[in-house]
Amino acid sequence: MSAVTIRNLSEETHRALKLRAARHGRSTEAEMRAILDEAVRPKDRVRLGSAMAERSRRIGLTNEDVEALEEARARQPAEPMRFG
């Protein structure tokens, strides 16, 4: 796991973090992790798999279509490119 150091955090902000952590019943460090997770990975973010499934539904792709594509694709690994 990665570690992050935050420098020059004001005393007011640190105190507010400690209070917020106490309200949520966790450590200040756990509270900061939760805040960062929520900020960079919001619950309403679009997930790739969900977006692809939705697009497939919109264009009318069925499970049978996917199965046909899987049957049609080559079963052996591709030959690597040769240079020279």
PDB file of N, CA and C in Angstrom:
ATOM      1  N   MET A   1       0.826  -1.191   0.000  1.00  0.00           N
ATOM      2  CA  MET A   1       0.000   0.000   0.000  1.00  0.00           C
ATOM      3  C   MET A   1       0.859   1.240   0.000  1.00  0.00           C
ATOM      4  N   SER A   2       0.366   2.247  -0.631  1.00  0.00           N
ATOM      5  CA  SER A   2       1.087   3.510  -0.702  1.00  0.00           C
ATOM      6  C   SER A   2       0.870   4.336   0.552  1.00  0.00           C
ATOM      7  N   ALA A   3       1.810   5.204   0.820  1.00  0.00           N
ATOM      8  CA  ALA A   3       1.707   6.127   1.946  1.00  0.00           C
ATOM      9  C   ALA A   3       1.815   7.544   1.409  1.00  0.00           C
ATOM     10  N   VAL A   4       1.098   8.455   2.053  1.00  0.00           N
ATOM     11  CA  VAL A   4       1.102   9.859   1.659  1.00  0.00           C
ATOM     12  C   VAL A   4       1.353  10.697   2.902  1.00  0.00           C
ATOM     13  N   THR A   5       2.193  11.700   2.753  1.00  0.00           N
ATOM     14  CA  THR A   5       2.435  12.650   3.836  1.00  0.00           C
ATOM     15  C   THR A   5       1.827  13.979   3.426  1.00  0.00           C
ATOM     16  N   ILE A   6       1.059  14.567   4.314  1.00  0.00           N
ATOM     17  CA  ILE A   6       0.455  15.875   4.044  1.00  0.00           C
ATOM     18  C   ILE A   6       1.145  16.888   4.942  1.00  0.00           C
ATOM     19  N   ARG A   7       1.811  17.830   4.320  1.00  0.00           N
ATOM     20  CA  ARG A   7       2.536  18.858   5.077  1.00  0.00           C
ATOM     21  C   ARG A   7       1.702  20.142   5.132  1.00  0.00           C
ATOM     22  N   ASN A   8       2.022  20.960   6.108  1.00  0.00           N
ATOM     23  CA  ASN A   8       1.438  22.294   6.260  1.00  0.00           C
ATOM     24  C   ASN A   8      -0.079  22.279   6.383  1.00  0.00           C
ATOM     25  N   LEU A   9      -0.610  21.271   7.043  1.00  0.00           N
ATOM     26  CA  LEU A   9      -2.041  21.211   7.321  1.00  0.00           C
ATOM     27  C   LEU A   9      -2.324  22.132   8.507  1.00  0.00           C
ATOM     28  N   SER A  10      -3.263  23.025   8.350  1.00  0.00           N
ATOM     29  CA  SER A  10      -3.532  23.973   9.431  1.00  0.00           C
ATOM     30  C   SER A  10      -4.073  23.237  10.662  1.00  0.00           C
ATOM     31  N   GLU A  11      -3.840  23.831  11.806  1.00  0.00           N
ATOM     32  CA  GLU A  11      -4.342  23.254  13.056  1.00  0.00           C
ATOM     33  C   GLU A  11      -5.861  23.149  13.035  1.00  0.00           C
ATOM     34  N   GLU A  12      -6.518  24.145  12.458  1.00  0.00           N
ATOM     35  CA  GLU A  12      -7.988  24.132  12.375  1.00  0.00           C
ATOM     36  C   GLU A  12      -8.477  22.942  11.568  1.00  0.00           C
ATOM     37  N   THR A  13      -7.830  22.692  10.426  1.00  0.00           N
ATOM     38  CA  THR A  13      -8.215  21.567   9.573  1.00  0.00           C
ATOM     39  C   THR A  13      -7.947  20.251  10.285  1.00  0.00           C
ATOM     40  N   HIS A  14      -6.806  20.142  10.949  1.00  0.00           N
ATOM     41  CA  HIS A  14      -6.478  18.918  11.670  1.00  0.00           C
ATOM     42  C   HIS A  14      -7.489  18.656  12.786  1.00  0.00           C
ATOM     43  N   ARG A  15      -7.848  19.702  13.505  1.00  0.00           N
ATOM     44  CA  ARG A  15      -8.839  19.575  14.579  1.00  0.00           C
ATOM     45  C   ARG A  15     -10.183  19.143  14.009  1.00  0.00           C
ATOM     46  N   ALA A  16     -10.584  19.745  12.867  1.00  0.00           N
ATOM     47  CA  ALA A  16     -11.853  19.388  12.231  1.00  0.00           C
ATOM     48  C   ALA A  16     -11.836  17.930  11.763  1.00  0.00           C
ATOM     49  N   LEU A  17     -10.701  17.478  11.245  1.00  0.00           N
ATOM     50  CA  LEU A  17     -10.578  16.081  10.830  1.00  0.00           C
ATOM     51  C   LEU A  17     -10.724  15.139  12.021  1.00  0.00           C
ATOM     52  N   LYS A  18     -10.089  15.488  13.124  1.00  0.00           N
ATOM     53  CA  LYS A  18     -10.179  14.663  14.315  1.00  0.00           C
ATOM     54  C   LYS A  18     -11.619  14.577  14.818  1.00  0.00           C
ATOM     55  N   LEU A  19     -12.326  15.695  14.798  1.00  0.00           N
ATOM     56  CA  LEU A  19     -13.726  15.702  15.224  1.00  0.00           C
ATOM     57  C   LEU A  19     -14.597  14.874  14.281  1.00  0.00           C
ATOM     58  N   ARG A  20     -14.372  15.039  12.983  1.00  0.00           N
ATOM     59  CA  ARG A  20     -15.144  14.280  11.995  1.00  0.00           C
ATOM     60  C   ARG A  20     -14.887  12.777  12.163  1.00  0.00           C
ATOM     61  N   ALA A  21     -13.622  12.417  12.388  1.00  0.00           N
ATOM     62  CA  ALA A  21     -13.272  11.014  12.593  1.00  0.00           C
ATOM     63  C   ALA A  21     -13.973  10.456  13.823  1.00  0.00           C
ATOM     64  N   ALA A  22     -13.989  11.221  14.893  1.00  0.00           N
ATOM     65  CA  ALA A  22     -14.653  10.782  16.127  1.00  0.00           C
ATOM     66  C   ALA A  22     -16.146  10.573  15.891  1.00  0.00           C
ATOM     67  N   ARG A  23     -16.772  11.484  15.132  1.00  0.00           N
ATOM     68  CA  ARG A  23     -18.205  11.325  14.826  1.00  0.00           C
ATOM     69  C   ARG A  23     -18.481  10.043  14.051  1.00  0.00           C
ATOM     70  N   HIS A  24     -17.531   9.638  13.200  1.00  0.00           N
ATOM     71  CA  HIS A  24     -17.698   8.428  12.403  1.00  0.00           C
ATOM     72  C   HIS A  24     -17.112   7.189  13.084  1.00  0.00           C
ATOM     73  N   GLY A  25     -16.553   7.362  14.262  1.00  0.00           N
ATOM     74  CA  GLY A  25     -16.024   6.231  15.019  1.00  0.00           C
ATOM     75  C   GLY A  25     -14.780   5.597  14.419  1.00  0.00           C
ATOM     76  N   ARG A  26     -13.912   6.415  13.841  1.00  0.00           N
ATOM     77  CA  ARG A  26     -12.680   5.879  13.274  1.00  0.00           C
ATOM     78  C   ARG A  26     -11.517   6.809  13.567  1.00  0.00           C
ATOM     79  N   SER A  27     -10.330   6.340  13.251  1.00  0.00           N
ATOM     80  CA  SER A  27      -9.126   7.150  13.490  1.00  0.00           C
ATOM     81  C   SER A  27      -9.075   8.300  12.484  1.00  0.00           C
ATOM     82  N   THR A  28      -8.232   9.282  12.803  1.00  0.00           N
ATOM     83  CA  THR A  28      -8.053  10.413  11.893  1.00  0.00           C
ATOM     84  C   THR A  28      -7.507   9.918  10.554  1.00  0.00           C
ATOM     85  N   GLU A  29      -6.587   8.984  10.604  1.00  0.00           N
ATOM     86  CA  GLU A  29      -6.017   8.437   9.370  1.00  0.00           C
ATOM     87  C   GLU A  29      -7.085   7.712   8.541  1.00  0.00           C
ATOM     88  N   ALA A  30      -7.914   6.922   9.195  1.00  0.00           N
ATOM     89  CA  ALA A  30      -8.989   6.222   8.478  1.00  0.00           C
ATOM     90  C   ALA A  30      -9.984   7.222   7.889  1.00  0.00           C
ATOM     91  N   GLU A  31     -10.220   8.297   8.607  1.00  0.00           N
ATOM     92  CA  GLU A  31     -11.133   9.336   8.101  1.00  0.00           C
ATOM     93  C   GLU A  31     -10.558   9.995   6.853  1.00  0.00           C
ATOM     94  N   MET A  32      -9.266  10.277   6.870  1.00  0.00           N
ATOM     95  CA  MET A  32      -8.635  10.884   5.687  1.00  0.00           C
ATOM     96  C   MET A  32      -8.692   9.930   4.495  1.00  0.00           C
ATOM     97  N   ARG A  33      -8.491   8.626   4.746  1.00  0.00           N
ATOM     98  CA  ARG A  33      -8.606   7.650   3.652  1.00  0.00           C
ATOM     99  C   ARG A  33     -10.015   7.657   3.082  1.00  0.00           C
ATOM    100  N   ALA A  34     -11.020   7.703   3.955  1.00  0.00           N
ATOM    101  CA  ALA A  34     -12.411   7.706   3.499  1.00  0.00           C
ATOM    102  C   ALA A  34     -12.715   8.964   2.675  1.00  0.00           C
ATOM    103  N   ILE A  35     -12.230  10.101   3.126  1.00  0.00           N
ATOM    104  CA  ILE A  35     -12.445  11.362   2.409  1.00  0.00           C
ATOM    105  C   ILE A  35     -11.807  11.294   1.027  1.00  0.00           C
ATOM    106  N   LEU A  36     -10.561  10.812   0.962  1.00  0.00           N
ATOM    107  CA  LEU A  36      -9.862  10.714  -0.321  1.00  0.00           C
ATOM    108  C   LEU A  36     -10.545   9.715  -1.255  1.00  0.00           C
ATOM    109  N   ASP A  37     -10.949   8.560  -0.716  1.00  0.00           N
ATOM    110  CA  ASP A  37     -11.657   7.572  -1.542  1.00  0.00           C
ATOM    111  C   ASP A  37     -12.928   8.158  -2.138  1.00  0.00           C
ATOM    112  N   GLU A  38     -13.688   8.842  -1.319  1.00  0.00           N
ATOM    113  CA  GLU A  38     -14.946   9.438  -1.781  1.00  0.00           C
ATOM    114  C   GLU A  38     -14.691  10.520  -2.834  1.00  0.00           C
ATOM    115  N   ALA A  39     -13.608  11.265  -2.668  1.00  0.00           N
ATOM    116  CA  ALA A  39     -13.309  12.354  -3.599  1.00  0.00           C
ATOM    117  C   ALA A  39     -12.868  11.843  -4.962  1.00  0.00           C
ATOM    118  N   VAL A  40     -12.051  10.800  -4.982  1.00  0.00           N
ATOM    119  CA  VAL A  40     -11.511  10.342  -6.269  1.00  0.00           C
ATOM    120  C   VAL A  40     -12.264   9.158  -6.851  1.00  0.00           C
ATOM    121  N   ARG A  41     -13.095   8.498  -6.050  1.00  0.00           N
ATOM    122  CA  ARG A  41     -13.878   7.372  -6.546  1.00  0.00           C
ATOM    123  C   ARG A  41     -15.333   7.533  -6.097  1.00  0.00           C
ATOM    124  N   PRO A  42     -16.019   8.545  -6.646  1.00  0.00           N
ATOM    125  CA  PRO A  42     -17.400   8.790  -6.205  1.00  0.00           C
ATOM    126  C   PRO A  42     -18.311   7.615  -6.541  1.00  0.00           C
ATOM    127  N   LYS A  43     -19.332   7.431  -5.744  1.00  0.00           N
ATOM    128  CA  LYS A  43     -20.261   6.314  -5.916  1.00  0.00           C
ATOM    129  C   LYS A  43     -20.983   6.366  -7.260  1.00  0.00           C
ATOM    130  N   ASP A  44     -21.180   7.568  -7.811  1.00  0.00           N
ATOM    131  CA  ASP A  44     -21.920   7.703  -9.061  1.00  0.00           C
ATOM    132  C   ASP A  44     -21.017   7.688 -10.298  1.00  0.00           C
ATOM    133  N   ARG A  45     -19.744   7.270 -10.113  1.00  0.00           N
ATOM    134  CA  ARG A  45     -18.843   7.243 -11.265  1.00  0.00           C
ATOM    135  C   ARG A  45     -19.285   6.156 -12.241  1.00  0.00           C
ATOM    136  N   VAL A  46     -18.957   6.354 -13.481  1.00  0.00           N
ATOM    137  CA  VAL A  46     -19.286   5.376 -14.511  1.00  0.00           C
ATOM    138  C   VAL A  46     -18.228   4.288 -14.486  1.00  0.00           C
ATOM    139  N   ARG A  47     -18.668   3.060 -14.395  1.00  0.00           N
ATOM    140  CA  ARG A  47     -17.752   1.931 -14.400  1.00  0.00           C
ATOM    141  C   ARG A  47     -17.728   1.339 -15.804  1.00  0.00           C
ATOM    142  N   LEU A  48     -16.558   0.934 -16.246  1.00  0.00           N
ATOM    143  CA  LEU A  48     -16.369   0.480 -17.611  1.00  0.00           C
ATOM    144  C   LEU A  48     -17.303  -0.680 -17.969  1.00  0.00           C
ATOM    145  N   GLY A  49     -17.361  -1.695 -17.150  1.00  0.00           N
ATOM    146  CA  GLY A  49     -18.216  -2.847 -17.438  1.00  0.00           C
ATOM    147  C   GLY A  49     -19.679  -2.459 -17.539  1.00  0.00           C
ATOM    148  N   SER A  50     -20.134  -1.625 -16.619  1.00  0.00           N
ATOM    149  CA  SER A  50     -21.533  -1.171 -16.647  1.00  0.00           C
ATOM    150  C   SER A  50     -21.812  -0.341 -17.884  1.00  0.00           C
ATOM    151  N   ALA A  51     -20.863   0.529 -18.252  1.00  0.00           N
ATOM    152  CA  ALA A  51     -21.040   1.366 -19.439  1.00  0.00           C
ATOM    153  C   ALA A  51     -21.101   0.509 -20.698  1.00  0.00           C
ATOM    154  N   MET A  52     -20.240  -0.506 -20.783  1.00  0.00           N
ATOM    155  CA  MET A  52     -20.246  -1.380 -21.952  1.00  0.00           C
ATOM    156  C   MET A  52     -21.537  -2.190 -22.032  1.00  0.00           C
ATOM    157  N   ALA A  53     -22.015  -2.689 -20.903  1.00  0.00           N
ATOM    158  CA  ALA A  53     -23.263  -3.456 -20.897  1.00  0.00           C
ATOM    159  C   ALA A  53     -24.436  -2.580 -21.321  1.00  0.00           C
ATOM    160  N   GLU A  54     -24.473  -1.349 -20.810  1.00  0.00           N
ATOM    161  CA  GLU A  54     -25.549  -0.423 -21.177  1.00  0.00           C
ATOM    162  C   GLU A  54     -25.519  -0.112 -22.666  1.00  0.00           C
ATOM    163  N   ARG A  55     -24.340   0.128 -23.197  1.00  0.00           N
ATOM    164  CA  ARG A  55     -24.207   0.416 -24.635  1.00  0.00           C
ATOM    165  C   ARG A  55     -24.647  -0.788 -25.467  1.00  0.00           C
ATOM    166  N   SER A  56     -24.254  -1.973 -25.048  1.00  0.00           N
ATOM    167  CA  SER A  56     -24.662  -3.188 -25.762  1.00  0.00           C
ATOM    168  C   SER A  56     -26.177  -3.337 -25.781  1.00  0.00           C
ATOM    169  N   ARG A  57     -26.812  -3.044 -24.649  1.00  0.00           N
ATOM    170  CA  ARG A  57     -28.283  -3.117 -24.586  1.00  0.00           C
ATOM    171  C   ARG A  57     -28.914  -2.107 -25.528  1.00  0.00           C
ATOM    172  N   ARG A  58     -28.342  -0.873 -25.549  1.00  0.00           N
ATOM    173  CA  ARG A  58     -28.907   0.175 -26.403  1.00  0.00           C
ATOM    174  C   ARG A  58     -28.837  -0.169 -27.890  1.00  0.00           C
ATOM    175  N   ILE A  59     -27.757  -0.834 -28.292  1.00  0.00           N
ATOM    176  CA  ILE A  59     -27.642  -1.161 -29.710  1.00  0.00           C
ATOM    177  C   ILE A  59     -28.278  -2.508 -30.045  1.00  0.00           C
ATOM    178  N   GLY A  60     -28.799  -3.181 -29.036  1.00  0.00           N
ATOM    179  CA  GLY A  60     -29.532  -4.417 -29.278  1.00  0.00           C
ATOM    180  C   GLY A  60     -28.686  -5.674 -29.326  1.00  0.00           C
ATOM    181  N   LEU A  61     -27.466  -5.630 -28.804  1.00  0.00           N
ATOM    182  CA  LEU A  61     -26.604  -6.803 -28.783  1.00  0.00           C
ATOM    183  C   LEU A  61     -27.162  -7.815 -27.787  1.00  0.00           C
ATOM    184  N   THR A  62     -27.298  -9.060 -28.222  1.00  0.00           N
ATOM    185  CA  THR A  62     -27.852 -10.104 -27.356  1.00  0.00           C
ATOM    186  C   THR A  62     -26.757 -11.073 -26.931  1.00  0.00           C
ATOM    187  N   ASN A  63     -27.082 -11.938 -25.985  1.00  0.00           N
ATOM    188  CA  ASN A  63     -26.131 -12.965 -25.564  1.00  0.00           C
ATOM    189  C   ASN A  63     -25.770 -13.872 -26.727  1.00  0.00           C
ATOM    190  N   GLU A  64     -26.749 -14.140 -27.602  1.00  0.00           N
ATOM    191  CA  GLU A  64     -26.486 -14.969 -28.771  1.00  0.00           C
ATOM    192  C   GLU A  64     -25.462 -14.304 -29.687  1.00  0.00           C
ATOM    193  N   ASP A  65     -25.550 -12.984 -29.826  1.00  0.00           N
ATOM    194  CA  ASP A  65     -24.570 -12.254 -30.638  1.00  0.00           C
ATOM    195  C   ASP A  65     -23.164 -12.403 -30.059  1.00  0.00           C
ATOM    196  N   VAL A  66     -23.052 -12.275 -28.765  1.00  0.00           N
ATOM    197  CA  VAL A  66     -21.753 -12.399 -28.103  1.00  0.00           C
ATOM    198  C   VAL A  66     -21.215 -13.814 -28.286  1.00  0.00           C
ATOM    199  N   GLU A  67     -22.077 -14.804 -28.116  1.00  0.00           N
ATOM    200  CA  GLU A  67     -21.647 -16.188 -28.303  1.00  0.00           C
ATOM    201  C   GLU A  67     -21.165 -16.424 -29.729  1.00  0.00           C
ATOM    202  N   ALA A  68     -21.846 -15.851 -30.712  1.00  0.00           N
ATOM    203  CA  ALA A  68     -21.438 -15.993 -32.112  1.00  0.00           C
ATOM    204  C   ALA A  68     -20.071 -15.352 -32.339  1.00  0.00           C
ATOM    205  N   LEU A  69     -19.828 -14.193 -31.734  1.00  0.00           N
ATOM    206  CA  LEU A  69     -18.522 -13.545 -31.860  1.00  0.00           C
ATOM    207  C   LEU A  69     -17.420 -14.401 -31.238  1.00  0.00           C
ATOM    208  N   GLU A  70     -17.709 -14.988 -30.089  1.00  0.00           N
ATOM    209  CA  GLU A  70     -16.723 -15.843 -29.432  1.00  0.00           C
ATOM    210  C   GLU A  70     -16.417 -17.074 -30.264  1.00  0.00           C
ATOM    211  N   GLU A  71     -17.427 -17.640 -30.897  1.00  0.00           N
ATOM    212  CA  GLU A  71     -17.225 -18.801 -31.749  1.00  0.00           C
ATOM    213  C   GLU A  71     -16.392 -18.452 -32.980  1.00  0.00           C
ATOM    214  N   ALA A  72     -16.572 -17.257 -33.511  1.00  0.00           N
ATOM    215  CA  ALA A  72     -15.911 -16.851 -34.749  1.00  0.00           C
ATOM    216  C   ALA A  72     -14.458 -16.443 -34.551  1.00  0.00           C
ATOM    217  N   ARG A  73     -14.076 -16.054 -33.341  1.00  0.00           N
ATOM    218  CA  ARG A  73     -12.712 -15.564 -33.147  1.00  0.00           C
ATOM    219  C   ARG A  73     -11.706 -16.711 -33.203  1.00  0.00           C
ATOM    220  N   ALA A  74     -10.494 -16.367 -33.547  1.00  0.00           N
ATOM    221  CA  ALA A  74      -9.425 -17.367 -33.650  1.00  0.00           C
ATOM    222  C   ALA A  74      -9.129 -17.941 -32.269  1.00  0.00           C
ATOM    223  N   ARG A  75      -8.901 -19.227 -32.221  1.00  0.00           N
ATOM    224  CA  ARG A  75      -8.645 -19.897 -30.942  1.00  0.00           C
ATOM    225  C   ARG A  75      -7.164 -20.010 -30.615  1.00  0.00           C
ATOM    226  N   GLN A  76      -6.309 -19.791 -31.586  1.00  0.00           N
ATOM    227  CA  GLN A  76      -4.878 -19.911 -31.313  1.00  0.00           C
ATOM    228  C   GLN A  76      -4.276 -18.521 -31.130  1.00  0.00           C
ATOM    229  N   PRO A  77      -3.217 -18.432 -30.334  1.00  0.00           N
ATOM    230  CA  PRO A  77      -2.593 -17.124 -30.104  1.00  0.00           C
ATOM    231  C   PRO A  77      -2.063 -16.542 -31.423  1.00  0.00           C
ATOM    232  N   ALA A  78      -2.065 -15.254 -31.509  1.00  0.00           N
ATOM    233  CA  ALA A  78      -1.541 -14.566 -32.684  1.00  0.00           C
ATOM    234  C   ALA A  78      -0.033 -14.746 -32.740  1.00  0.00           C
ATOM    235  N   GLU A  79       0.489 -14.779 -33.942  1.00  0.00           N
ATOM    236  CA  GLU A  79       1.932 -14.848 -34.134  1.00  0.00           C
ATOM    237  C   GLU A  79       2.539 -13.487 -33.800  1.00  0.00           C
ATOM    238  N   PRO A  80       3.634 -13.469 -33.047  1.00  0.00           N
ATOM    239  CA  PRO A  80       4.252 -12.170 -32.755  1.00  0.00           C
ATOM    240  C   PRO A  80       4.844 -11.570 -34.020  1.00  0.00           C
ATOM    241  N   MET A  81       4.903 -10.260 -34.054  1.00  0.00           N
ATOM    242  CA  MET A  81       5.481  -9.566 -35.194  1.00  0.00           C
ATOM    243  C   MET A  81       6.981  -9.789 -35.210  1.00  0.00           C
ATOM    244  N   ARG A  82       7.519  -9.848 -36.420  1.00  0.00           N
ATOM    245  CA  ARG A  82       8.970  -9.999 -36.560  1.00  0.00           C
ATOM    246  C   ARG A  82       9.510  -8.757 -37.257  1.00  0.00           C
ATOM    247  N   PHE A  83      10.543  -8.205 -36.681  1.00  0.00           N
ATOM    248  CA  PHE A  83      11.177  -7.019 -37.257  1.00  0.00           C
ATOM    249  C   PHE A  83      12.569  -7.397 -37.733  1.00  0.00           C
ATOM    250  N   GLY A  84      12.786  -7.264 -39.046  1.00  0.00           N
ATOM    251  CA  GLY A  84      14.128  -7.455 -39.564  1.00  0.00           C
ATOM    252  C   GLY A  84      14.409  -8.756 -40.155  1.00  0.00           C
TER     253      GLY A  84
END
